[in-house]
Amino acid sequence: MKNTIKVFVLVALTLAAMSVSAQVKLGHIETQKLIQAMPEWTAAQKTFEEEQKKVNTELNGLREQFQTKLAEYSEKMKTYSEAMRATTEEELQGLQQRIQRFQETAMAQLEKTQNDLMQPVMEKALNAIKEVGKENGFTYIFDMNAGILYAAENSQDVLPLVKKKLGLQ
């Protein structure tokens, strides 16, 4: 809803600017396509996927440990004394809680890692877009994935210019 309001305000401002000056130059880009074309993005994705694999390996190890302990308990519970049964159940509950805490911590850490890896890539892309805008006299450059429903005929796709600026083909 907020994005829609922002889009309408931006369009209204653009139209107002057009009526004041005929020298408005509009451009548009799909920032996600630009970012995915950058080698830094590929490297960040690879690093993130490696971290994700490590977390999954650790999590699977904990789950296997739990399943093994549960299977052993299920198999032998009739032979256990009341005290042994209670102790084993506590161990299983503790292990289950460890798995849950690990998942929560791992998800938060993975999210932070992804943000840390992607921040420099995003900054580089946005800086290149700004530079292209200045160098080519654009009044506005819109991101086509941010809710822009219409691009004027005189709106220019600046993706090729930004890719050129970054040395990408």
N, C-alpha and C. Protein backbone atom coordinates (compact mmCIF):
# COMPACT_ATOMS: atom_id res chain seq x y z
N MET A 1 0.83 -1.18 0.00
CA MET A 1 0.00 0.00 0.00
C MET A 1 0.87 1.24 0.00
N LYS A 2 1.91 1.25 0.86
CA LYS A 2 2.80 2.40 0.91
C LYS A 2 3.52 2.58 -0.42
N ASN A 3 3.94 1.44 -1.02
CA ASN A 3 4.62 1.52 -2.32
C ASN A 3 3.71 2.11 -3.38
N THR A 4 2.43 1.76 -3.35
CA THR A 4 1.48 2.28 -4.33
C THR A 4 1.35 3.79 -4.17
N ILE A 5 1.25 4.25 -2.93
CA ILE A 5 1.16 5.68 -2.67
C ILE A 5 2.42 6.37 -3.15
N LYS A 6 3.57 5.78 -2.86
CA LYS A 6 4.85 6.36 -3.31
C LYS A 6 4.90 6.45 -4.83
N VAL A 7 4.43 5.41 -5.49
CA VAL A 7 4.43 5.40 -6.96
C VAL A 7 3.54 6.52 -7.48
N PHE A 8 2.35 6.67 -6.92
CA PHE A 8 1.44 7.72 -7.37
C PHE A 8 2.03 9.10 -7.13
N VAL A 9 2.65 9.30 -5.98
CA VAL A 9 3.28 10.59 -5.68
C VAL A 9 4.41 10.84 -6.67
N LEU A 10 5.20 9.81 -6.92
CA LEU A 10 6.32 9.94 -7.85
C LEU A 10 5.82 10.26 -9.26
N VAL A 11 4.76 9.59 -9.68
CA VAL A 11 4.19 9.86 -11.00
C VAL A 11 3.65 11.29 -11.05
N ALA A 12 2.98 11.72 -9.99
CA ALA A 12 2.43 13.08 -9.94
C ALA A 12 3.56 14.10 -10.02
N LEU A 13 4.62 13.85 -9.27
CA LEU A 13 5.78 14.76 -9.33
C LEU A 13 6.41 14.77 -10.71
N THR A 14 6.49 13.61 -11.32
CA THR A 14 7.05 13.52 -12.66
C THR A 14 6.21 14.30 -13.65
N LEU A 15 4.91 14.13 -13.57
CA LEU A 15 4.02 14.86 -14.47
C LEU A 15 4.10 16.36 -14.24
N ALA A 16 4.21 16.76 -12.99
CA ALA A 16 4.34 18.19 -12.67
C ALA A 16 5.65 18.72 -13.24
N ALA A 17 6.70 17.93 -13.09
CA ALA A 17 8.00 18.35 -13.61
C ALA A 17 7.96 18.44 -15.14
N MET A 18 7.22 17.54 -15.77
CA MET A 18 7.12 17.55 -17.24
C MET A 18 6.43 18.82 -17.73
N SER A 19 5.43 19.25 -16.96
CA SER A 19 4.72 20.44 -17.39
C SER A 19 5.58 21.69 -17.20
N VAL A 20 6.47 21.68 -16.24
CA VAL A 20 7.35 22.81 -15.99
C VAL A 20 8.51 22.83 -16.98
N SER A 21 9.02 21.66 -17.29
CA SER A 21 10.19 21.60 -18.16
C SER A 21 10.03 20.46 -19.14
N ALA A 22 10.30 20.74 -20.38
CA ALA A 22 10.18 19.71 -21.41
C ALA A 22 11.44 18.87 -21.47
N GLN A 23 12.40 19.11 -20.59
CA GLN A 23 13.67 18.42 -20.66
C GLN A 23 13.76 17.27 -19.67
N VAL A 24 12.65 16.70 -19.31
CA VAL A 24 12.65 15.55 -18.41
C VAL A 24 13.06 14.32 -19.19
N LYS A 25 14.02 13.61 -18.69
CA LYS A 25 14.47 12.38 -19.33
C LYS A 25 14.23 11.24 -18.36
N LEU A 26 13.42 10.29 -18.78
CA LEU A 26 13.06 9.17 -17.93
C LEU A 26 13.83 7.93 -18.34
N GLY A 27 14.16 7.13 -17.36
CA GLY A 27 14.81 5.85 -17.63
C GLY A 27 14.24 4.79 -16.71
N HIS A 28 14.44 3.56 -17.08
CA HIS A 28 14.00 2.47 -16.22
C HIS A 28 15.03 1.34 -16.28
N ILE A 29 15.02 0.54 -15.24
CA ILE A 29 15.96 -0.57 -15.14
C ILE A 29 15.33 -1.66 -14.29
N GLU A 30 15.72 -2.87 -14.53
CA GLU A 30 15.37 -3.97 -13.63
C GLU A 30 16.62 -4.26 -12.83
N THR A 31 16.68 -3.67 -11.64
CA THR A 31 17.87 -3.75 -10.80
C THR A 31 18.27 -5.20 -10.53
N GLN A 32 17.29 -6.07 -10.36
CA GLN A 32 17.59 -7.47 -10.07
C GLN A 32 18.35 -8.12 -11.21
N LYS A 33 18.01 -7.79 -12.45
CA LYS A 33 18.74 -8.33 -13.60
C LYS A 33 20.18 -7.84 -13.59
N LEU A 34 20.37 -6.57 -13.24
CA LEU A 34 21.71 -6.01 -13.16
C LEU A 34 22.53 -6.74 -12.10
N ILE A 35 21.96 -6.87 -10.93
CA ILE A 35 22.68 -7.51 -9.82
C ILE A 35 23.04 -8.95 -10.17
N GLN A 36 22.12 -9.67 -10.79
CA GLN A 36 22.38 -11.06 -11.14
C GLN A 36 23.43 -11.19 -12.24
N ALA A 37 23.69 -10.13 -12.97
CA ALA A 37 24.72 -10.15 -14.00
C ALA A 37 26.10 -9.83 -13.44
N MET A 38 26.14 -9.39 -12.20
CA MET A 38 27.41 -8.99 -11.59
C MET A 38 28.15 -10.20 -11.02
N PRO A 39 29.47 -10.31 -11.28
CA PRO A 39 30.22 -11.44 -10.73
C PRO A 39 30.24 -11.44 -9.20
N GLU A 40 30.13 -10.27 -8.60
CA GLU A 40 30.09 -10.20 -7.13
C GLU A 40 28.86 -10.91 -6.58
N TRP A 41 27.76 -10.84 -7.32
CA TRP A 41 26.54 -11.52 -6.89
C TRP A 41 26.74 -13.03 -6.93
N THR A 42 27.37 -13.50 -8.01
CA THR A 42 27.63 -14.94 -8.14
C THR A 42 28.51 -15.43 -6.99
N ALA A 43 29.54 -14.65 -6.69
CA ALA A 43 30.44 -15.03 -5.58
C ALA A 43 29.70 -15.01 -4.25
N ALA A 44 28.86 -14.00 -4.04
CA ALA A 44 28.09 -13.91 -2.80
C ALA A 44 27.13 -15.09 -2.67
N GLN A 45 26.48 -15.44 -3.77
CA GLN A 45 25.56 -16.58 -3.76
C GLN A 45 26.30 -17.87 -3.42
N LYS A 46 27.47 -18.05 -4.01
CA LYS A 46 28.25 -19.27 -3.76
C LYS A 46 28.64 -19.34 -2.29
N THR A 47 29.11 -18.23 -1.73
CA THR A 47 29.48 -18.20 -0.32
C THR A 47 28.28 -18.50 0.57
N PHE A 48 27.15 -17.89 0.24
CA PHE A 48 25.94 -18.12 1.02
C PHE A 48 25.50 -19.58 0.96
N GLU A 49 25.54 -20.16 -0.23
CA GLU A 49 25.14 -21.56 -0.38
C GLU A 49 26.07 -22.49 0.40
N GLU A 50 27.36 -22.16 0.45
CA GLU A 50 28.31 -22.96 1.25
C GLU A 50 27.95 -22.88 2.73
N GLU A 51 27.62 -21.68 3.20
CA GLU A 51 27.21 -21.52 4.60
C GLU A 51 25.93 -22.30 4.89
N GLN A 52 25.01 -22.25 3.94
CA GLN A 52 23.75 -22.96 4.08
C GLN A 52 23.98 -24.47 4.17
N LYS A 53 24.90 -24.99 3.36
CA LYS A 53 25.22 -26.42 3.39
C LYS A 53 25.80 -26.81 4.74
N LYS A 54 26.68 -25.97 5.29
CA LYS A 54 27.27 -26.26 6.60
C LYS A 54 26.17 -26.35 7.67
N VAL A 55 25.27 -25.39 7.64
CA VAL A 55 24.18 -25.37 8.62
C VAL A 55 23.31 -26.61 8.45
N ASN A 56 22.97 -26.94 7.22
CA ASN A 56 22.14 -28.13 6.97
C ASN A 56 22.83 -29.40 7.43
N THR A 57 24.13 -29.49 7.22
CA THR A 57 24.89 -30.67 7.66
C THR A 57 24.83 -30.79 9.18
N GLU A 58 25.06 -29.68 9.87
CA GLU A 58 25.00 -29.69 11.34
C GLU A 58 23.60 -30.03 11.84
N LEU A 59 22.60 -29.45 11.20
CA LEU A 59 21.22 -29.69 11.60
C LEU A 59 20.84 -31.15 11.36
N ASN A 60 21.25 -31.70 10.23
CA ASN A 60 20.97 -33.11 9.94
C ASN A 60 21.66 -34.02 10.96
N GLY A 61 22.85 -33.65 11.37
CA GLY A 61 23.56 -34.43 12.39
C GLY A 61 22.79 -34.44 13.70
N LEU A 62 22.29 -33.29 14.11
CA LEU A 62 21.49 -33.22 15.34
C LEU A 62 20.20 -34.03 15.21
N ARG A 63 19.57 -33.94 14.06
CA ARG A 63 18.33 -34.70 13.85
C ARG A 63 18.58 -36.20 13.87
N GLU A 64 19.67 -36.62 13.23
CA GLU A 64 20.02 -38.05 13.25
C GLU A 64 20.29 -38.52 14.67
N GLN A 65 21.00 -37.69 15.42
CA GLN A 65 21.28 -38.02 16.82
C GLN A 65 19.97 -38.20 17.59
N PHE A 66 19.03 -37.30 17.35
CA PHE A 66 17.72 -37.39 18.02
C PHE A 66 16.98 -38.65 17.58
N GLN A 67 16.95 -38.91 16.28
CA GLN A 67 16.24 -40.10 15.77
C GLN A 67 16.84 -41.39 16.32
N THR A 68 18.17 -41.44 16.38
CA THR A 68 18.83 -42.63 16.92
C THR A 68 18.46 -42.83 18.38
N LYS A 69 18.52 -41.75 19.15
CA LYS A 69 18.19 -41.82 20.57
C LYS A 69 16.72 -42.19 20.76
N LEU A 70 15.84 -41.65 19.93
CA LEU A 70 14.41 -41.95 20.02
C LEU A 70 14.14 -43.41 19.66
N ALA A 71 14.79 -43.91 18.62
CA ALA A 71 14.61 -45.30 18.21
C ALA A 71 15.08 -46.24 19.32
N GLU A 72 16.23 -45.91 19.90
CA GLU A 72 16.76 -46.73 21.00
C GLU A 72 15.79 -46.71 22.19
N TYR A 73 15.27 -45.55 22.49
CA TYR A 73 14.32 -45.42 23.60
C TYR A 73 13.05 -46.23 23.32
N SER A 74 12.53 -46.10 22.11
CA SER A 74 11.30 -46.82 21.75
C SER A 74 11.50 -48.32 21.84
N GLU A 75 12.67 -48.77 21.43
CA GLU A 75 12.98 -50.20 21.42
C GLU A 75 13.15 -50.76 22.83
N LYS A 76 13.75 -49.98 23.71
CA LYS A 76 14.12 -50.50 25.04
C LYS A 76 13.27 -49.94 26.18
N MET A 77 12.29 -49.10 25.88
CA MET A 77 11.59 -48.41 26.96
C MET A 77 10.87 -49.38 27.92
N LYS A 78 10.44 -50.52 27.43
CA LYS A 78 9.75 -51.47 28.29
C LYS A 78 10.71 -52.12 29.29
N THR A 79 11.99 -52.13 28.93
CA THR A 79 12.96 -52.74 29.83
C THR A 79 13.57 -51.72 30.79
N TYR A 80 13.33 -50.45 30.56
CA TYR A 80 13.89 -49.39 31.41
C TYR A 80 13.11 -49.29 32.72
N SER A 81 13.84 -48.92 33.76
CA SER A 81 13.19 -48.60 35.02
C SER A 81 12.50 -47.25 34.86
N GLU A 82 11.67 -46.91 35.81
CA GLU A 82 10.96 -45.62 35.76
C GLU A 82 11.95 -44.46 35.74
N ALA A 83 13.00 -44.56 36.52
CA ALA A 83 14.01 -43.50 36.59
C ALA A 83 14.75 -43.38 35.26
N MET A 84 15.11 -44.51 34.67
CA MET A 84 15.82 -44.49 33.39
C MET A 84 14.93 -43.94 32.29
N ARG A 85 13.66 -44.30 32.30
CA ARG A 85 12.71 -43.80 31.32
C ARG A 85 12.59 -42.27 31.43
N ALA A 86 12.45 -41.77 32.64
CA ALA A 86 12.33 -40.33 32.86
C ALA A 86 13.59 -39.60 32.41
N THR A 87 14.75 -40.15 32.72
CA THR A 87 16.02 -39.54 32.33
C THR A 87 16.17 -39.50 30.81
N THR A 88 15.82 -40.60 30.18
CA THR A 88 15.93 -40.67 28.71
C THR A 88 14.95 -39.69 28.05
N GLU A 89 13.74 -39.59 28.59
CA GLU A 89 12.77 -38.65 28.04
C GLU A 89 13.25 -37.21 28.19
N GLU A 90 13.88 -36.91 29.33
CA GLU A 90 14.45 -35.57 29.53
C GLU A 90 15.56 -35.30 28.51
N GLU A 91 16.39 -36.31 28.27
CA GLU A 91 17.46 -36.16 27.27
C GLU A 91 16.87 -35.89 25.89
N LEU A 92 15.81 -36.63 25.54
CA LEU A 92 15.17 -36.43 24.24
C LEU A 92 14.56 -35.02 24.13
N GLN A 93 13.91 -34.58 25.19
CA GLN A 93 13.34 -33.23 25.18
C GLN A 93 14.45 -32.18 25.07
N GLY A 94 15.53 -32.39 25.80
CA GLY A 94 16.66 -31.46 25.74
C GLY A 94 17.26 -31.41 24.35
N LEU A 95 17.40 -32.56 23.73
CA LEU A 95 17.94 -32.62 22.38
C LEU A 95 17.00 -31.94 21.38
N GLN A 96 15.72 -32.13 21.57
CA GLN A 96 14.73 -31.48 20.71
C GLN A 96 14.80 -29.96 20.87
N GLN A 97 14.97 -29.49 22.08
CA GLN A 97 15.09 -28.05 22.33
C GLN A 97 16.39 -27.51 21.73
N ARG A 98 17.47 -28.28 21.81
CA ARG A 98 18.74 -27.86 21.18
C ARG A 98 18.58 -27.71 19.68
N ILE A 99 17.86 -28.66 19.08
CA ILE A 99 17.62 -28.60 17.63
C ILE A 99 16.83 -27.34 17.28
N GLN A 100 15.81 -27.05 18.06
CA GLN A 100 14.98 -25.88 17.80
C GLN A 100 15.81 -24.60 17.96
N ARG A 101 16.60 -24.50 19.04
CA ARG A 101 17.44 -23.32 19.25
C ARG A 101 18.46 -23.17 18.14
N PHE A 102 19.04 -24.31 17.73
CA PHE A 102 20.02 -24.28 16.65
C PHE A 102 19.38 -23.74 15.36
N GLN A 103 18.18 -24.23 15.05
CA GLN A 103 17.48 -23.78 13.84
C GLN A 103 17.23 -22.27 13.89
N GLU A 104 16.75 -21.78 15.01
CA GLU A 104 16.47 -20.35 15.15
C GLU A 104 17.74 -19.52 15.00
N THR A 105 18.80 -19.94 15.68
CA THR A 105 20.07 -19.23 15.62
C THR A 105 20.66 -19.30 14.22
N ALA A 106 20.60 -20.47 13.62
CA ALA A 106 21.17 -20.65 12.28
C ALA A 106 20.42 -19.82 11.25
N MET A 107 19.10 -19.76 11.35
CA MET A 107 18.33 -18.96 10.39
C MET A 107 18.67 -17.48 10.53
N ALA A 108 18.79 -17.00 11.76
CA ALA A 108 19.15 -15.60 11.97
C ALA A 108 20.55 -15.32 11.44
N GLN A 109 21.47 -16.25 11.68
CA GLN A 109 22.84 -16.06 11.20
C GLN A 109 22.91 -16.11 9.68
N LEU A 110 22.17 -17.01 9.06
CA LEU A 110 22.14 -17.07 7.60
C LEU A 110 21.57 -15.80 6.99
N GLU A 111 20.54 -15.27 7.61
CA GLU A 111 19.96 -14.02 7.12
C GLU A 111 20.97 -12.88 7.21
N LYS A 112 21.68 -12.83 8.34
CA LYS A 112 22.71 -11.79 8.52
C LYS A 112 23.84 -11.97 7.50
N THR A 113 24.25 -13.20 7.29
CA THR A 113 25.31 -13.49 6.31
C THR A 113 24.88 -13.04 4.92
N GLN A 114 23.64 -13.37 4.55
CA GLN A 114 23.15 -12.99 3.24
C GLN A 114 23.12 -11.46 3.09
N ASN A 115 22.65 -10.78 4.12
CA ASN A 115 22.62 -9.32 4.08
C ASN A 115 24.03 -8.74 3.97
N ASP A 116 24.95 -9.28 4.75
CA ASP A 116 26.34 -8.81 4.72
C ASP A 116 26.99 -9.03 3.37
N LEU A 117 26.68 -10.16 2.73
CA LEU A 117 27.25 -10.47 1.42
C LEU A 117 26.64 -9.61 0.32
N MET A 118 25.34 -9.34 0.42
CA MET A 118 24.64 -8.63 -0.65
C MET A 118 24.75 -7.11 -0.56
N GLN A 119 25.01 -6.58 0.63
CA GLN A 119 25.05 -5.13 0.81
C GLN A 119 26.05 -4.45 -0.13
N PRO A 120 27.30 -4.93 -0.21
CA PRO A 120 28.25 -4.27 -1.12
C PRO A 120 27.84 -4.40 -2.59
N VAL A 121 27.22 -5.50 -2.96
CA VAL A 121 26.77 -5.69 -4.34
C VAL A 121 25.67 -4.68 -4.66
N MET A 122 24.72 -4.54 -3.75
CA MET A 122 23.62 -3.58 -3.93
C MET A 122 24.17 -2.16 -4.03
N GLU A 123 25.09 -1.82 -3.14
CA GLU A 123 25.66 -0.47 -3.15
C GLU A 123 26.37 -0.18 -4.48
N LYS A 124 27.14 -1.15 -4.96
CA LYS A 124 27.86 -0.96 -6.22
C LYS A 124 26.87 -0.75 -7.37
N ALA A 125 25.81 -1.56 -7.40
CA ALA A 125 24.81 -1.44 -8.46
C ALA A 125 24.11 -0.08 -8.39
N LEU A 126 23.69 0.33 -7.20
CA LEU A 126 22.98 1.59 -7.07
C LEU A 126 23.88 2.78 -7.39
N ASN A 127 25.15 2.70 -6.99
CA ASN A 127 26.09 3.77 -7.32
C ASN A 127 26.27 3.88 -8.84
N ALA A 128 26.36 2.73 -9.51
CA ALA A 128 26.52 2.74 -10.97
C ALA A 128 25.27 3.32 -11.64
N ILE A 129 24.10 2.99 -11.13
CA ILE A 129 22.85 3.54 -11.68
C ILE A 129 22.85 5.06 -11.52
N LYS A 130 23.23 5.54 -10.34
CA LYS A 130 23.28 6.99 -10.11
C LYS A 130 24.28 7.67 -11.05
N GLU A 131 25.44 7.06 -11.22
CA GLU A 131 26.45 7.64 -12.11
C GLU A 131 25.95 7.70 -13.55
N VAL A 132 25.32 6.63 -14.00
CA VAL A 132 24.76 6.61 -15.36
C VAL A 132 23.68 7.68 -15.49
N GLY A 133 22.88 7.84 -14.46
CA GLY A 133 21.84 8.86 -14.47
C GLY A 133 22.43 10.25 -14.64
N LYS A 134 23.47 10.54 -13.87
CA LYS A 134 24.12 11.85 -13.95
C LYS A 134 24.81 12.04 -15.31
N GLU A 135 25.56 11.04 -15.72
CA GLU A 135 26.33 11.14 -16.97
C GLU A 135 25.44 11.29 -18.20
N ASN A 136 24.24 10.70 -18.16
CA ASN A 136 23.37 10.71 -19.32
C ASN A 136 22.18 11.66 -19.20
N GLY A 137 22.18 12.48 -18.17
CA GLY A 137 21.17 13.51 -18.03
C GLY A 137 19.77 13.03 -17.71
N PHE A 138 19.64 11.91 -17.02
CA PHE A 138 18.31 11.41 -16.65
C PHE A 138 17.77 12.22 -15.48
N THR A 139 16.48 12.53 -15.56
CA THR A 139 15.82 13.19 -14.45
C THR A 139 15.39 12.15 -13.42
N TYR A 140 14.87 11.02 -13.92
CA TYR A 140 14.45 9.92 -13.06
C TYR A 140 14.84 8.60 -13.70
N ILE A 141 15.22 7.65 -12.85
CA ILE A 141 15.39 6.27 -13.29
C ILE A 141 14.53 5.43 -12.34
N PHE A 142 13.59 4.71 -12.92
CA PHE A 142 12.67 3.88 -12.14
C PHE A 142 13.10 2.43 -12.19
N ASP A 143 12.88 1.72 -11.08
CA ASP A 143 13.10 0.28 -11.04
C ASP A 143 11.79 -0.38 -11.46
N MET A 144 11.83 -1.14 -12.53
CA MET A 144 10.62 -1.74 -13.08
C MET A 144 9.99 -2.78 -12.15
N ASN A 145 10.76 -3.30 -11.20
CA ASN A 145 10.22 -4.29 -10.27
C ASN A 145 9.70 -3.67 -8.99
N ALA A 146 9.75 -2.35 -8.89
CA ALA A 146 9.31 -1.69 -7.66
C ALA A 146 7.90 -1.13 -7.80
N GLY A 147 7.13 -1.70 -8.68
CA GLY A 147 5.74 -1.32 -8.78
C GLY A 147 5.42 -0.34 -9.89
N ILE A 148 6.33 -0.05 -10.77
CA ILE A 148 6.04 0.84 -11.88
C ILE A 148 5.19 0.06 -12.89
N LEU A 149 4.03 0.57 -13.16
CA LEU A 149 3.11 -0.14 -14.04
C LEU A 149 3.18 0.36 -15.48
N TYR A 150 3.82 1.47 -15.67
CA TYR A 150 3.88 2.04 -17.00
C TYR A 150 5.21 2.77 -17.16
N ALA A 151 5.80 2.61 -18.32
CA ALA A 151 7.00 3.36 -18.67
C ALA A 151 6.68 4.14 -19.93
N ALA A 152 6.89 5.44 -19.87
CA ALA A 152 6.60 6.29 -21.03
C ALA A 152 7.45 5.88 -22.21
N GLU A 153 6.96 6.19 -23.40
CA GLU A 153 7.70 5.83 -24.61
C GLU A 153 9.08 6.47 -24.64
N ASN A 154 9.20 7.65 -24.05
CA ASN A 154 10.51 8.30 -24.02
C ASN A 154 11.36 7.84 -22.85
N SER A 155 10.87 6.86 -22.10
CA SER A 155 11.64 6.27 -21.01
C SER A 155 12.65 5.30 -21.61
N GLN A 156 13.87 5.40 -21.18
CA GLN A 156 14.94 4.57 -21.75
C GLN A 156 15.37 3.51 -20.74
N ASP A 157 15.53 2.28 -21.21
CA ASP A 157 16.05 1.22 -20.36
C ASP A 157 17.54 1.48 -20.19
N VAL A 158 17.96 1.72 -18.96
CA VAL A 158 19.36 2.07 -18.70
C VAL A 158 20.21 0.86 -18.32
N LEU A 159 19.61 -0.34 -18.32
CA LEU A 159 20.38 -1.54 -17.98
C LEU A 159 21.62 -1.69 -18.85
N PRO A 160 21.53 -1.54 -20.17
CA PRO A 160 22.75 -1.66 -20.98
C PRO A 160 23.82 -0.61 -20.61
N LEU A 161 23.39 0.59 -20.29
CA LEU A 161 24.35 1.64 -19.91
C LEU A 161 25.04 1.32 -18.58
N VAL A 162 24.27 0.83 -17.62
CA VAL A 162 24.83 0.50 -16.31
C VAL A 162 25.75 -0.72 -16.43
N LYS A 163 25.33 -1.72 -17.21
CA LYS A 163 26.20 -2.88 -17.42
C LYS A 163 27.52 -2.45 -18.04
N LYS A 164 27.45 -1.55 -19.01
CA LYS A 164 28.66 -1.03 -19.64
C LYS A 164 29.52 -0.32 -18.60
N LYS A 165 28.90 0.47 -17.74
CA LYS A 165 29.60 1.20 -16.70
C LYS A 165 30.35 0.25 -15.77
N LEU A 166 29.75 -0.89 -15.50
CA LEU A 166 30.35 -1.90 -14.62
C LEU A 166 31.25 -2.89 -15.37
N GLY A 167 31.34 -2.73 -16.67
CA GLY A 167 32.16 -3.64 -17.48
C GLY A 167 31.54 -5.01 -17.65
N LEU A 168 30.23 -5.08 -17.63
CA LEU A 168 29.51 -6.35 -17.79
C LEU A 168 28.93 -6.43 -19.20
N GLN A 169 28.78 -7.60 -19.73
CA GLN A 169 28.15 -7.76 -21.05
C GLN A 169 27.03 -8.69 -20.95
